[in-house]
Amino acid sequence: MPSASSFAFLPRLQGALLAALCGALFCPVAWANDIIVVTDSRHPVQAPAHARVITLDEATRIEAELAANLPNDPNRGAALVQKRLRDGGVALQRRIAAAYQGVADAWSLGITTLPAVVVDRRYVIYGEPDVARAVARIEAYRKETP
């Protein structure tokens, strides 16, 4: 049976875990209520799981998948695209809808440069691929400018 001194490290471990938990809860990314990242395949980003990532060229990539290796005959080509659309089912329809909705949302936000990190639909940082760093810059600005 272990002695009481064997567990002397527990208070330090608990303190370290509490500090890590507080750090995670109060980090700048946690303060941002709504994070939208707008990018394309040429501008990869590092985004947290809770951020909404809009990839502007996603619709083009889906269209390229549907148009891949089509026959030269327009009628056969159209029939093959329709078959691919049917085979893709609801999942493909959702991908297409989400891709075009993302483009509309980015346009409505007035995004002019990629990548863009938008916080609470009010603050934006352009050109920063590290979303956590962009959010930290926005939070620093919020603290300085009440």
N, C-alpha and C. Protein backbone atom coordinates (compact mmCIF):
# COMPACT_ATOMS: atom_id res chain seq x y z
N MET A 1 0.84 -1.18 0.00
CA MET A 1 0.00 0.00 0.00
C MET A 1 0.88 1.24 0.00
N PRO A 2 0.63 2.22 -0.88
CA PRO A 2 1.47 3.40 -0.93
C PRO A 2 1.28 4.26 0.32
N SER A 3 2.38 4.92 0.69
CA SER A 3 2.32 5.80 1.86
C SER A 3 1.74 7.15 1.45
N ALA A 4 1.38 7.98 2.44
CA ALA A 4 0.81 9.30 2.18
C ALA A 4 1.80 10.18 1.44
N SER A 5 3.10 9.98 1.69
CA SER A 5 4.10 10.81 0.99
C SER A 5 4.18 10.47 -0.49
N SER A 6 3.67 9.31 -0.89
CA SER A 6 3.67 8.93 -2.30
C SER A 6 2.77 9.83 -3.14
N PHE A 7 1.79 10.46 -2.50
CA PHE A 7 0.83 11.30 -3.21
C PHE A 7 1.07 12.79 -2.97
N ALA A 8 2.27 13.14 -2.52
CA ALA A 8 2.60 14.54 -2.22
C ALA A 8 2.55 15.41 -3.48
N PHE A 9 2.69 14.82 -4.64
CA PHE A 9 2.69 15.59 -5.89
C PHE A 9 1.29 16.03 -6.31
N LEU A 10 0.24 15.45 -5.73
CA LEU A 10 -1.13 15.74 -6.16
C LEU A 10 -1.50 17.22 -6.08
N PRO A 11 -1.21 17.95 -5.00
CA PRO A 11 -1.58 19.37 -4.99
C PRO A 11 -0.93 20.15 -6.14
N ARG A 12 0.34 19.84 -6.45
CA ARG A 12 1.00 20.54 -7.57
C ARG A 12 0.35 20.17 -8.89
N LEU A 13 0.01 18.89 -9.06
CA LEU A 13 -0.64 18.44 -10.29
C LEU A 13 -2.01 19.10 -10.44
N GLN A 14 -2.76 19.16 -9.36
CA GLN A 14 -4.08 19.81 -9.40
C GLN A 14 -3.93 21.29 -9.76
N GLY A 15 -2.93 21.94 -9.17
CA GLY A 15 -2.69 23.35 -9.48
C GLY A 15 -2.33 23.56 -10.94
N ALA A 16 -1.50 22.68 -11.47
CA ALA A 16 -1.11 22.78 -12.88
C ALA A 16 -2.30 22.55 -13.79
N LEU A 17 -3.13 21.56 -13.46
CA LEU A 17 -4.32 21.29 -14.26
C LEU A 17 -5.30 22.46 -14.21
N LEU A 18 -5.47 23.05 -13.03
CA LEU A 18 -6.35 24.20 -12.90
C LEU A 18 -5.83 25.38 -13.71
N ALA A 19 -4.53 25.62 -13.68
CA ALA A 19 -3.95 26.71 -14.46
C ALA A 19 -4.13 26.48 -15.96
N ALA A 20 -3.94 25.24 -16.40
CA ALA A 20 -4.12 24.93 -17.82
C ALA A 20 -5.57 25.11 -18.24
N LEU A 21 -6.49 24.67 -17.39
CA LEU A 21 -7.91 24.82 -17.69
C LEU A 21 -8.29 26.29 -17.78
N CYS A 22 -7.82 27.09 -16.83
CA CYS A 22 -8.11 28.53 -16.86
C CYS A 22 -7.52 29.17 -18.10
N GLY A 23 -6.31 28.76 -18.45
CA GLY A 23 -5.69 29.31 -19.65
C GLY A 23 -6.50 29.00 -20.90
N ALA A 24 -7.00 27.77 -20.97
CA ALA A 24 -7.81 27.39 -22.13
C ALA A 24 -9.13 28.14 -22.16
N LEU A 25 -9.73 28.31 -20.98
CA LEU A 25 -11.03 28.98 -20.94
C LEU A 25 -10.94 30.48 -21.21
N PHE A 26 -9.84 31.08 -20.82
CA PHE A 26 -9.75 32.53 -20.93
C PHE A 26 -8.79 33.00 -22.02
N CYS A 27 -8.37 32.11 -22.91
CA CYS A 27 -7.51 32.52 -24.01
C CYS A 27 -8.31 33.37 -24.99
N PRO A 28 -7.66 34.18 -25.84
CA PRO A 28 -8.39 35.08 -26.74
C PRO A 28 -9.37 34.38 -27.65
N VAL A 29 -9.07 33.17 -28.11
CA VAL A 29 -9.99 32.49 -29.01
C VAL A 29 -11.30 32.20 -28.28
N ALA A 30 -11.24 31.92 -26.98
CA ALA A 30 -12.45 31.64 -26.23
C ALA A 30 -13.31 32.89 -26.06
N TRP A 31 -12.71 34.08 -26.10
CA TRP A 31 -13.47 35.32 -25.94
C TRP A 31 -14.27 35.66 -27.17
N ALA A 32 -13.81 35.26 -28.31
CA ALA A 32 -14.51 35.58 -29.55
C ALA A 32 -15.77 34.74 -29.64
N ASN A 33 -16.89 35.40 -29.83
CA ASN A 33 -18.16 34.68 -29.90
C ASN A 33 -18.35 33.99 -31.23
N ASP A 34 -18.01 34.66 -32.31
CA ASP A 34 -18.29 34.16 -33.65
C ASP A 34 -17.06 34.39 -34.51
N ILE A 35 -16.44 33.31 -34.97
CA ILE A 35 -15.24 33.42 -35.81
C ILE A 35 -15.56 32.85 -37.18
N ILE A 36 -15.37 33.67 -38.20
CA ILE A 36 -15.53 33.23 -39.59
C ILE A 36 -14.20 33.44 -40.28
N VAL A 37 -13.72 32.42 -40.93
CA VAL A 37 -12.47 32.49 -41.68
C VAL A 37 -12.82 32.36 -43.15
N VAL A 38 -12.37 33.32 -43.96
CA VAL A 38 -12.62 33.28 -45.39
C VAL A 38 -11.28 33.09 -46.09
N THR A 39 -11.20 32.06 -46.92
CA THR A 39 -9.96 31.74 -47.59
C THR A 39 -10.26 31.04 -48.91
N ASP A 40 -9.23 30.51 -49.53
CA ASP A 40 -9.38 29.65 -50.70
C ASP A 40 -8.28 28.60 -50.64
N SER A 41 -8.22 27.72 -51.62
CA SER A 41 -7.27 26.61 -51.56
C SER A 41 -5.82 27.09 -51.68
N ARG A 42 -5.59 28.29 -52.17
CA ARG A 42 -4.23 28.81 -52.29
C ARG A 42 -3.75 29.50 -51.01
N HIS A 43 -4.64 29.69 -50.03
CA HIS A 43 -4.30 30.36 -48.78
C HIS A 43 -4.71 29.48 -47.60
N PRO A 44 -3.94 28.44 -47.30
CA PRO A 44 -4.31 27.55 -46.19
C PRO A 44 -4.25 28.29 -44.86
N VAL A 45 -5.11 27.90 -43.94
CA VAL A 45 -5.18 28.54 -42.63
C VAL A 45 -5.15 27.48 -41.54
N GLN A 46 -4.80 27.94 -40.33
CA GLN A 46 -4.85 27.10 -39.13
C GLN A 46 -6.00 27.64 -38.30
N ALA A 47 -7.12 26.94 -38.32
CA ALA A 47 -8.32 27.43 -37.64
C ALA A 47 -8.75 26.46 -36.56
N PRO A 48 -9.25 27.00 -35.44
CA PRO A 48 -9.79 26.11 -34.41
C PRO A 48 -11.07 25.43 -34.91
N ALA A 49 -11.41 24.34 -34.27
CA ALA A 49 -12.55 23.54 -34.71
C ALA A 49 -13.87 24.32 -34.68
N HIS A 50 -14.01 25.27 -33.76
CA HIS A 50 -15.28 25.98 -33.64
C HIS A 50 -15.42 27.15 -34.62
N ALA A 51 -14.39 27.43 -35.39
CA ALA A 51 -14.47 28.52 -36.37
C ALA A 51 -15.16 28.02 -37.64
N ARG A 52 -15.94 28.87 -38.25
CA ARG A 52 -16.55 28.55 -39.54
C ARG A 52 -15.55 28.94 -40.62
N VAL A 53 -15.16 27.99 -41.44
CA VAL A 53 -14.20 28.25 -42.52
C VAL A 53 -14.95 28.24 -43.84
N ILE A 54 -14.89 29.37 -44.54
CA ILE A 54 -15.48 29.49 -45.87
C ILE A 54 -14.34 29.41 -46.88
N THR A 55 -14.39 28.42 -47.74
CA THR A 55 -13.39 28.26 -48.79
C THR A 55 -14.04 28.70 -50.10
N LEU A 56 -13.63 29.88 -50.59
CA LEU A 56 -14.32 30.50 -51.71
C LEU A 56 -14.30 29.68 -52.99
N ASP A 57 -13.27 28.87 -53.19
CA ASP A 57 -13.22 28.08 -54.43
C ASP A 57 -13.77 26.67 -54.26
N GLU A 58 -14.49 26.42 -53.18
CA GLU A 58 -15.09 25.10 -52.96
C GLU A 58 -16.12 24.77 -54.04
N ALA A 59 -16.95 25.74 -54.41
CA ALA A 59 -17.97 25.49 -55.45
C ALA A 59 -17.29 25.13 -56.78
N THR A 60 -16.21 25.79 -57.10
CA THR A 60 -15.48 25.50 -58.33
C THR A 60 -14.91 24.08 -58.29
N ARG A 61 -14.41 23.68 -57.13
CA ARG A 61 -13.86 22.32 -57.00
C ARG A 61 -14.96 21.27 -57.14
N ILE A 62 -16.14 21.54 -56.59
CA ILE A 62 -17.26 20.60 -56.73
C ILE A 62 -17.67 20.50 -58.20
N GLU A 63 -17.76 21.64 -58.87
CA GLU A 63 -18.11 21.64 -60.29
C GLU A 63 -17.08 20.87 -61.11
N ALA A 64 -15.80 21.00 -60.75
CA ALA A 64 -14.76 20.26 -61.46
C ALA A 64 -14.92 18.75 -61.25
N GLU A 65 -15.31 18.35 -60.03
CA GLU A 65 -15.57 16.93 -59.77
C GLU A 65 -16.70 16.42 -60.66
N LEU A 66 -17.75 17.22 -60.77
CA LEU A 66 -18.91 16.81 -61.58
C LEU A 66 -18.57 16.76 -63.07
N ALA A 67 -17.65 17.62 -63.50
CA ALA A 67 -17.32 17.72 -64.92
C ALA A 67 -16.12 16.86 -65.33
N ALA A 68 -15.53 16.16 -64.40
CA ALA A 68 -14.33 15.38 -64.69
C ALA A 68 -14.62 14.26 -65.69
N ASN A 69 -13.76 14.12 -66.68
CA ASN A 69 -13.80 13.01 -67.64
C ASN A 69 -15.14 12.85 -68.35
N LEU A 70 -15.72 13.96 -68.74
CA LEU A 70 -16.99 13.89 -69.48
C LEU A 70 -16.72 13.52 -70.94
N PRO A 71 -17.65 12.81 -71.55
CA PRO A 71 -17.49 12.47 -72.97
C PRO A 71 -17.68 13.74 -73.83
N ASN A 72 -17.22 13.67 -75.07
CA ASN A 72 -17.34 14.82 -75.99
C ASN A 72 -18.78 15.08 -76.41
N ASP A 73 -19.59 14.07 -76.42
CA ASP A 73 -20.99 14.22 -76.81
C ASP A 73 -21.74 14.99 -75.72
N PRO A 74 -22.30 16.18 -76.04
CA PRO A 74 -22.97 16.99 -75.02
C PRO A 74 -24.14 16.29 -74.34
N ASN A 75 -24.89 15.49 -75.08
CA ASN A 75 -26.04 14.79 -74.49
C ASN A 75 -25.58 13.73 -73.48
N ARG A 76 -24.57 12.98 -73.85
CA ARG A 76 -24.04 11.97 -72.92
C ARG A 76 -23.38 12.64 -71.73
N GLY A 77 -22.71 13.76 -71.98
CA GLY A 77 -22.08 14.50 -70.89
C GLY A 77 -23.10 15.03 -69.89
N ALA A 78 -24.18 15.60 -70.41
CA ALA A 78 -25.24 16.11 -69.53
C ALA A 78 -25.87 14.98 -68.73
N ALA A 79 -26.09 13.85 -69.37
CA ALA A 79 -26.68 12.70 -68.67
C ALA A 79 -25.74 12.20 -67.56
N LEU A 80 -24.44 12.21 -67.83
CA LEU A 80 -23.47 11.75 -66.83
C LEU A 80 -23.43 12.72 -65.63
N VAL A 81 -23.48 14.02 -65.90
CA VAL A 81 -23.49 15.00 -64.80
C VAL A 81 -24.76 14.82 -63.96
N GLN A 82 -25.90 14.63 -64.62
CA GLN A 82 -27.14 14.41 -63.88
C GLN A 82 -27.06 13.14 -63.03
N LYS A 83 -26.45 12.10 -63.57
CA LYS A 83 -26.28 10.86 -62.81
C LYS A 83 -25.39 11.11 -61.60
N ARG A 84 -24.30 11.85 -61.78
CA ARG A 84 -23.40 12.16 -60.67
C ARG A 84 -24.13 12.97 -59.59
N LEU A 85 -24.96 13.91 -60.02
CA LEU A 85 -25.74 14.70 -59.06
C LEU A 85 -26.70 13.80 -58.27
N ARG A 86 -27.37 12.88 -58.98
CA ARG A 86 -28.28 11.95 -58.30
C ARG A 86 -27.51 11.05 -57.33
N ASP A 87 -26.38 10.50 -57.81
CA ASP A 87 -25.59 9.58 -56.98
C ASP A 87 -25.04 10.29 -55.74
N GLY A 88 -24.74 11.56 -55.87
CA GLY A 88 -24.22 12.33 -54.73
C GLY A 88 -25.27 12.56 -53.67
N GLY A 89 -26.51 12.54 -54.10
CA GLY A 89 -27.64 12.65 -53.17
C GLY A 89 -27.65 13.92 -52.34
N VAL A 90 -28.22 13.79 -51.16
CA VAL A 90 -28.41 14.92 -50.26
C VAL A 90 -27.07 15.49 -49.80
N ALA A 91 -26.08 14.63 -49.60
CA ALA A 91 -24.77 15.09 -49.14
C ALA A 91 -24.15 16.05 -50.16
N LEU A 92 -24.22 15.70 -51.43
CA LEU A 92 -23.68 16.57 -52.47
C LEU A 92 -24.47 17.87 -52.56
N GLN A 93 -25.78 17.77 -52.47
CA GLN A 93 -26.62 18.98 -52.49
C GLN A 93 -26.25 19.92 -51.35
N ARG A 94 -26.00 19.36 -50.18
CA ARG A 94 -25.60 20.18 -49.03
C ARG A 94 -24.24 20.82 -49.25
N ARG A 95 -23.29 20.06 -49.82
CA ARG A 95 -21.96 20.62 -50.11
C ARG A 95 -22.07 21.79 -51.07
N ILE A 96 -22.86 21.63 -52.13
CA ILE A 96 -23.03 22.70 -53.12
C ILE A 96 -23.69 23.91 -52.47
N ALA A 97 -24.76 23.69 -51.72
CA ALA A 97 -25.47 24.79 -51.06
C ALA A 97 -24.55 25.52 -50.09
N ALA A 98 -23.78 24.78 -49.29
CA ALA A 98 -22.88 25.40 -48.32
C ALA A 98 -21.78 26.19 -49.03
N ALA A 99 -21.28 25.67 -50.14
CA ALA A 99 -20.23 26.38 -50.87
C ALA A 99 -20.73 27.72 -51.39
N TYR A 100 -21.90 27.73 -52.01
CA TYR A 100 -22.43 28.98 -52.54
C TYR A 100 -22.91 29.92 -51.44
N GLN A 101 -23.42 29.37 -50.34
CA GLN A 101 -23.81 30.21 -49.20
C GLN A 101 -22.58 30.90 -48.62
N GLY A 102 -21.47 30.18 -48.56
CA GLY A 102 -20.22 30.76 -48.08
C GLY A 102 -19.77 31.93 -48.93
N VAL A 103 -19.87 31.79 -50.24
CA VAL A 103 -19.51 32.89 -51.14
C VAL A 103 -20.40 34.10 -50.88
N ALA A 104 -21.70 33.86 -50.74
CA ALA A 104 -22.64 34.96 -50.47
C ALA A 104 -22.34 35.62 -49.12
N ASP A 105 -22.03 34.81 -48.12
CA ASP A 105 -21.72 35.37 -46.79
C ASP A 105 -20.43 36.19 -46.83
N ALA A 106 -19.41 35.71 -47.51
CA ALA A 106 -18.16 36.46 -47.61
C ALA A 106 -18.40 37.79 -48.34
N TRP A 107 -19.19 37.75 -49.38
CA TRP A 107 -19.52 38.98 -50.12
C TRP A 107 -20.27 39.95 -49.21
N SER A 108 -21.24 39.45 -48.44
CA SER A 108 -22.02 40.33 -47.57
C SER A 108 -21.17 40.92 -46.44
N LEU A 109 -20.09 40.22 -46.05
CA LEU A 109 -19.18 40.75 -45.04
C LEU A 109 -18.21 41.78 -45.62
N GLY A 110 -18.16 41.88 -46.93
CA GLY A 110 -17.27 42.84 -47.58
C GLY A 110 -15.81 42.42 -47.62
N ILE A 111 -15.56 41.12 -47.62
CA ILE A 111 -14.19 40.61 -47.62
C ILE A 111 -13.49 41.02 -48.91
N THR A 112 -12.27 41.58 -48.76
CA THR A 112 -11.52 42.06 -49.93
C THR A 112 -10.19 41.34 -50.14
N THR A 113 -9.68 40.65 -49.12
CA THR A 113 -8.37 40.03 -49.19
C THR A 113 -8.42 38.69 -48.48
N LEU A 114 -7.62 37.74 -48.95
CA LEU A 114 -7.58 36.42 -48.34
C LEU A 114 -6.21 36.15 -47.75
N PRO A 115 -6.16 35.38 -46.69
CA PRO A 115 -7.27 34.97 -45.85
C PRO A 115 -7.79 36.12 -45.01
N ALA A 116 -9.01 35.98 -44.54
CA ALA A 116 -9.62 36.98 -43.67
C ALA A 116 -10.19 36.28 -42.45
N VAL A 117 -9.95 36.84 -41.29
CA VAL A 117 -10.51 36.32 -40.05
C VAL A 117 -11.46 37.38 -39.52
N VAL A 118 -12.73 37.01 -39.42
CA VAL A 118 -13.77 37.93 -38.98
C VAL A 118 -14.27 37.46 -37.61
N VAL A 119 -14.30 38.38 -36.66
CA VAL A 119 -14.77 38.07 -35.32
C VAL A 119 -16.02 38.89 -35.04
N ASP A 120 -17.06 38.20 -34.61
CA ASP A 120 -18.34 38.82 -34.25
C ASP A 120 -18.91 39.68 -35.37
N ARG A 121 -18.58 39.33 -36.60
CA ARG A 121 -19.06 40.04 -37.80
C ARG A 121 -18.77 41.54 -37.74
N ARG A 122 -17.78 41.90 -36.93
CA ARG A 122 -17.48 43.32 -36.74
C ARG A 122 -16.00 43.66 -36.96
N TYR A 123 -15.12 42.73 -36.60
CA TYR A 123 -13.69 42.97 -36.68
C TYR A 123 -13.09 42.01 -37.69
N VAL A 124 -12.09 42.49 -38.45
CA VAL A 124 -11.46 41.63 -39.45
C VAL A 124 -9.95 41.86 -39.45
N ILE A 125 -9.23 40.77 -39.63
CA ILE A 125 -7.79 40.80 -39.84
C ILE A 125 -7.55 40.11 -41.18
N TYR A 126 -6.83 40.80 -42.07
CA TYR A 126 -6.51 40.23 -43.38
C TYR A 126 -5.09 39.70 -43.40
N GLY A 127 -4.89 38.62 -44.15
CA GLY A 127 -3.56 38.13 -44.45
C GLY A 127 -2.91 37.26 -43.38
N GLU A 128 -3.59 36.98 -42.29
CA GLU A 128 -3.01 36.16 -41.21
C GLU A 128 -3.55 34.74 -41.29
N PRO A 129 -2.70 33.75 -41.64
CA PRO A 129 -3.17 32.38 -41.77
C PRO A 129 -3.37 31.68 -40.42
N ASP A 130 -2.80 32.22 -39.35
CA ASP A 130 -2.97 31.63 -38.02
C ASP A 130 -4.15 32.32 -37.34
N VAL A 131 -5.28 31.64 -37.30
CA VAL A 131 -6.53 32.24 -36.81
C VAL A 131 -6.39 32.66 -35.34
N ALA A 132 -5.74 31.83 -34.53
CA ALA A 132 -5.57 32.18 -33.11
C ALA A 132 -4.80 33.50 -32.97
N ARG A 133 -3.78 33.69 -33.79
CA ARG A 133 -3.01 34.94 -33.74
C ARG A 133 -3.86 36.12 -34.18
N ALA A 134 -4.66 35.94 -35.22
CA ALA A 134 -5.54 37.02 -35.68
C ALA A 134 -6.56 37.39 -34.61
N VAL A 135 -7.14 36.37 -33.98
CA VAL A 135 -8.12 36.63 -32.92
C VAL A 135 -7.46 37.33 -31.75
N ALA A 136 -6.24 36.95 -31.42
CA ALA A 136 -5.51 37.61 -30.33
C ALA A 136 -5.29 39.09 -30.66
N ARG A 137 -4.97 39.40 -31.91
CA ARG A 137 -4.80 40.81 -32.32
C ARG A 137 -6.11 41.57 -32.18
N ILE A 138 -7.21 40.94 -32.55
CA ILE A 138 -8.51 41.59 -32.43
C ILE A 138 -8.84 41.81 -30.95
N GLU A 139 -8.59 40.82 -30.11
CA GLU A 139 -8.88 40.96 -28.69
C GLU A 139 -8.02 42.04 -28.06
N ALA A 140 -6.75 42.15 -28.48
CA ALA A 140 -5.89 43.22 -27.96
C ALA A 140 -6.46 44.59 -28.36
N TYR A 141 -6.92 44.70 -29.58
CA TYR A 141 -7.54 45.95 -30.04
C TYR A 141 -8.79 46.27 -29.22
N ARG A 142 -9.60 45.25 -28.96
CA ARG A 142 -10.84 45.46 -28.18
C ARG A 142 -10.52 45.97 -26.77
N LYS A 143 -9.45 45.46 -26.18
CA LYS A 143 -9.07 45.91 -24.83
C LYS A 143 -8.61 47.37 -24.85
N GLU A 144 -7.89 47.75 -25.89
CA GLU A 144 -7.37 49.12 -25.99
C GLU A 144 -8.45 50.12 -26.38
N THR A 145 -9.44 49.67 -27.14
CA THR A 145 -10.47 50.55 -27.67
C THR A 145 -11.83 50.11 -27.14
N PRO A 146 -12.26 50.72 -26.03
CA PRO A 146 -13.55 50.29 -25.47
C PRO A 146 -14.74 50.67 -26.33
